[in-house]
Amino acid sequence: MTLANRITILRILLVPVFVIFVTYGYYKSMLMFQYAALGVFIFCILTDALDGFIARTFNQQTSLGIFLDPLADKLLLVSAFIFLGLSFVNKIPLWVSMLVVGREFIILIGWLVVYLFSTKKNNLNPSILGKMTTFFQMITILLCLINLPYQYLRWIIFLTVAVTIISTVDYILRGSKKLSSC
């Protein structure tokens, strides 16, 4: 197993740790756990960049890594949006959390349909819009975790919602085009 894949697996294993810290930090109002959640989230963002750099620089790109890297991102971001959108935390409007989770569900179902019914078994590669969406979602979570006041946060949430919707439509169109060529 490559170093890049080990780092990605570490990110996946840190998702439940992040959820525990967010839950205790905000539900129990324990500042130490809020800081720990922030630290784990920043660590995951940095190691996301690191594993990609290592994979490309040292020719460690593998099928496993191509599958696990976006999975690690999705698990972290979906968990963050779900738990920060819960009523006891209420850092993110619930409808925004539902939109993000819905997007990931649509992409997952779409990927399965394309994989099962497409004659060509290659992946739907991430688009620039998908990468922008991940970036804005990470920034939104980061700003929530540093307790940025909502009047400032709402603008980044607006941008996050916009790119989330646009990239969802883009993935649907790309998936439909891939299916129609079968």
Protein backbone atom coordinates (compact mmCIF):
# COMPACT_ATOMS: atom_id res chain seq x y z
CA MET A 1 0.00 0.00 0.00
CA THR A 2 1.33 3.41 -0.95
CA LEU A 3 2.01 6.27 1.45
CA ALA A 4 -0.65 8.37 -0.29
CA ASN A 5 -3.26 5.65 0.30
CA ARG A 6 -2.25 5.32 3.96
CA ILE A 7 -2.73 9.05 4.45
CA THR A 8 -6.14 8.85 2.78
CA ILE A 9 -7.17 5.96 5.04
CA LEU A 10 -6.04 8.01 8.04
CA ARG A 11 -8.37 10.80 6.88
CA ILE A 12 -11.27 8.33 6.70
CA LEU A 13 -10.48 7.04 10.20
CA LEU A 14 -10.47 10.61 11.53
CA VAL A 15 -14.05 11.28 10.41
CA PRO A 16 -15.66 9.63 13.50
CA VAL A 17 -13.14 11.44 15.71
CA PHE A 18 -14.18 14.73 14.11
CA VAL A 19 -17.87 13.89 14.66
CA ILE A 20 -17.25 13.10 18.34
CA PHE A 21 -15.38 16.38 18.83
CA VAL A 22 -18.08 18.40 17.05
CA THR A 23 -20.83 16.71 19.05
CA TYR A 24 -19.20 17.21 22.43
CA GLY A 25 -17.88 20.62 21.48
CA TYR A 26 -21.20 22.11 20.47
CA TYR A 27 -23.82 19.95 22.22
CA LYS A 28 -22.02 20.10 25.56
CA SER A 29 -20.53 23.56 24.84
CA MET A 30 -17.02 22.34 25.59
CA LEU A 31 -14.53 24.74 24.04
CA MET A 32 -11.69 22.20 24.19
CA PHE A 33 -13.66 19.83 21.92
CA GLN A 34 -14.56 22.68 19.55
CA TYR A 35 -10.85 23.43 19.12
CA ALA A 36 -10.13 19.71 18.71
CA ALA A 37 -12.79 19.49 15.95
CA LEU A 38 -11.18 22.48 14.22
CA GLY A 39 -7.74 20.88 14.53
CA VAL A 40 -8.90 17.55 13.10
CA PHE A 41 -10.67 19.32 10.24
CA ILE A 42 -7.59 21.40 9.36
CA PHE A 43 -5.42 18.27 9.59
CA CYS A 44 -7.76 16.47 7.18
CA ILE A 45 -7.67 19.38 4.72
CA LEU A 46 -3.87 19.52 4.81
CA THR A 47 -3.46 15.76 4.45
CA ASP A 48 -5.93 15.81 1.54
CA ALA A 49 -3.54 18.12 -0.26
CA LEU A 50 -0.53 16.10 0.93
CA ASP A 51 -1.77 12.71 -0.27
CA GLY A 52 -2.60 14.15 -3.69
CA PHE A 53 0.83 15.76 -3.92
CA ILE A 54 2.57 12.52 -2.89
CA ALA A 55 0.50 10.44 -5.32
CA ARG A 56 1.30 12.70 -8.28
CA THR A 57 4.92 13.52 -7.42
CA PHE A 58 6.05 10.00 -6.55
CA ASN A 59 3.87 8.18 -9.09
CA GLN A 60 1.71 6.57 -6.38
CA GLN A 61 -1.64 6.99 -8.12
CA THR A 62 -3.64 3.78 -7.70
CA SER A 63 -7.18 2.62 -8.37
CA LEU A 64 -7.68 2.36 -4.62
CA GLY A 65 -6.53 5.94 -4.13
CA ILE A 66 -8.73 7.20 -6.96
CA PHE A 67 -11.69 5.63 -5.13
CA LEU A 68 -10.71 6.44 -1.51
CA ASP A 69 -9.63 10.09 -1.90
CA PRO A 70 -13.03 11.48 -2.94
CA LEU A 71 -14.70 9.10 -0.48
CA ALA A 72 -12.64 10.59 2.36
CA ASP A 73 -13.63 14.11 1.28
CA LYS A 74 -17.31 13.19 1.03
CA LEU A 75 -17.38 11.43 4.41
CA LEU A 76 -15.74 14.38 6.15
CA LEU A 77 -17.84 17.06 4.46
CA VAL A 78 -21.18 15.25 4.73
CA SER A 79 -20.50 14.51 8.41
CA ALA A 80 -19.55 18.13 9.03
CA PHE A 81 -22.62 19.53 7.28
CA ILE A 82 -24.94 17.08 9.03
CA PHE A 83 -23.60 17.71 12.52
CA LEU A 84 -23.12 21.48 12.13
CA GLY A 85 -26.64 21.75 10.69
CA LEU A 86 -28.30 19.89 13.57
CA SER A 87 -30.60 21.92 15.78
CA PHE A 88 -28.34 21.68 18.84
CA VAL A 89 -25.41 23.09 16.89
CA ASN A 90 -27.24 25.24 14.33
CA LYS A 91 -24.06 26.68 12.80
CA ILE A 92 -25.31 26.05 9.26
CA PRO A 93 -28.93 26.32 8.12
CA LEU A 94 -30.47 22.85 7.96
CA TRP A 95 -31.58 23.32 4.34
CA VAL A 96 -27.94 23.97 3.33
CA SER A 97 -26.87 20.75 5.04
CA MET A 98 -29.69 18.91 3.28
CA LEU A 99 -28.61 20.35 -0.07
CA VAL A 100 -25.01 19.20 0.40
CA VAL A 101 -26.06 15.72 1.55
CA GLY A 102 -28.58 15.52 -1.30
CA ARG A 103 -25.88 16.41 -3.83
CA GLU A 104 -23.63 13.64 -2.55
CA PHE A 105 -26.53 11.17 -2.65
CA ILE A 106 -27.35 12.17 -6.24
CA ILE A 107 -23.69 11.80 -7.27
CA LEU A 108 -23.43 8.40 -5.56
CA ILE A 109 -26.61 7.06 -7.19
CA GLY A 110 -25.57 8.55 -10.54
CA TRP A 111 -22.13 6.96 -10.31
CA LEU A 112 -23.71 3.57 -9.54
CA VAL A 113 -26.13 3.85 -12.47
CA VAL A 114 -23.36 4.89 -14.87
CA TYR A 115 -21.09 2.13 -13.57
CA LEU A 116 -23.77 -0.56 -13.82
CA PHE A 117 -25.26 0.41 -17.18
CA SER A 118 -22.41 2.00 -19.09
CA THR A 119 -20.45 -0.19 -21.46
CA LYS A 120 -17.29 1.76 -20.65
CA LYS A 121 -16.34 1.25 -16.99
CA ASN A 122 -14.23 4.37 -16.64
CA ASN A 123 -15.04 6.89 -13.93
CA LEU A 124 -16.77 10.20 -14.14
CA ASN A 125 -13.68 12.23 -13.32
CA PRO A 126 -14.06 15.21 -11.02
CA SER A 127 -14.71 18.44 -12.88
CA ILE A 128 -13.37 21.87 -12.02
CA LEU A 129 -16.87 22.65 -10.71
CA GLY A 130 -16.71 19.61 -8.43
CA LYS A 131 -13.32 20.70 -7.11
CA MET A 132 -14.63 24.24 -6.56
CA THR A 133 -17.60 22.83 -4.67
CA THR A 134 -15.33 20.81 -2.39
CA PHE A 135 -13.17 23.91 -1.82
CA PHE A 136 -16.13 26.15 -0.91
CA GLN A 137 -17.67 23.46 1.29
CA MET A 138 -14.37 23.07 3.16
CA ILE A 139 -14.07 26.84 3.60
CA THR A 140 -17.66 27.02 4.88
CA ILE A 141 -17.02 24.32 7.48
CA LEU A 142 -13.71 25.89 8.47
CA LEU A 143 -15.32 29.30 9.00
CA CYS A 144 -18.13 27.70 11.03
CA LEU A 145 -15.60 25.94 13.22
CA ILE A 146 -13.74 29.18 13.93
CA ASN A 147 -17.10 30.66 14.96
CA LEU A 148 -17.26 33.39 12.34
CA PRO A 149 -20.41 35.46 12.98
CA TYR A 150 -23.31 34.47 10.72
CA GLN A 151 -23.59 37.88 9.02
CA TYR A 152 -20.14 37.24 7.50
CA LEU A 153 -20.63 33.52 7.04
CA ARG A 154 -23.83 33.88 5.02
CA TRP A 155 -21.94 35.17 1.97
CA ILE A 156 -19.66 32.15 1.82
CA ILE A 157 -22.71 29.94 2.42
CA PHE A 158 -24.40 31.64 -0.55
CA LEU A 159 -21.37 30.93 -2.77
CA THR A 160 -21.21 27.35 -1.48
CA VAL A 161 -24.89 26.80 -2.26
CA ALA A 162 -24.46 28.27 -5.75
CA VAL A 163 -21.47 26.11 -6.72
CA THR A 164 -23.08 23.06 -5.10
CA ILE A 165 -26.20 23.45 -7.26
CA ILE A 166 -24.22 24.23 -10.43
CA SER A 167 -21.87 21.27 -9.96
CA THR A 168 -24.80 18.95 -9.23
CA VAL A 169 -26.42 19.92 -12.52
CA ASP A 170 -23.06 19.50 -14.26
CA TYR A 171 -22.61 15.97 -12.86
CA ILE A 172 -26.18 15.05 -13.86
CA LEU A 173 -25.60 16.31 -17.42
CA ARG A 174 -22.23 14.54 -17.68
CA GLY A 175 -23.69 11.30 -16.33
CA SER A 176 -26.67 11.50 -18.68
CA LYS A 177 -24.35 12.07 -21.64
CA LYS A 178 -22.25 9.06 -20.63
CA LEU A 179 -25.38 6.89 -20.37
CA SER A 180 -26.80 8.09 -23.68
CA SER A 181 -23.62 6.98 -25.45
CA CYS A 182 -24.29 3.35 -24.38
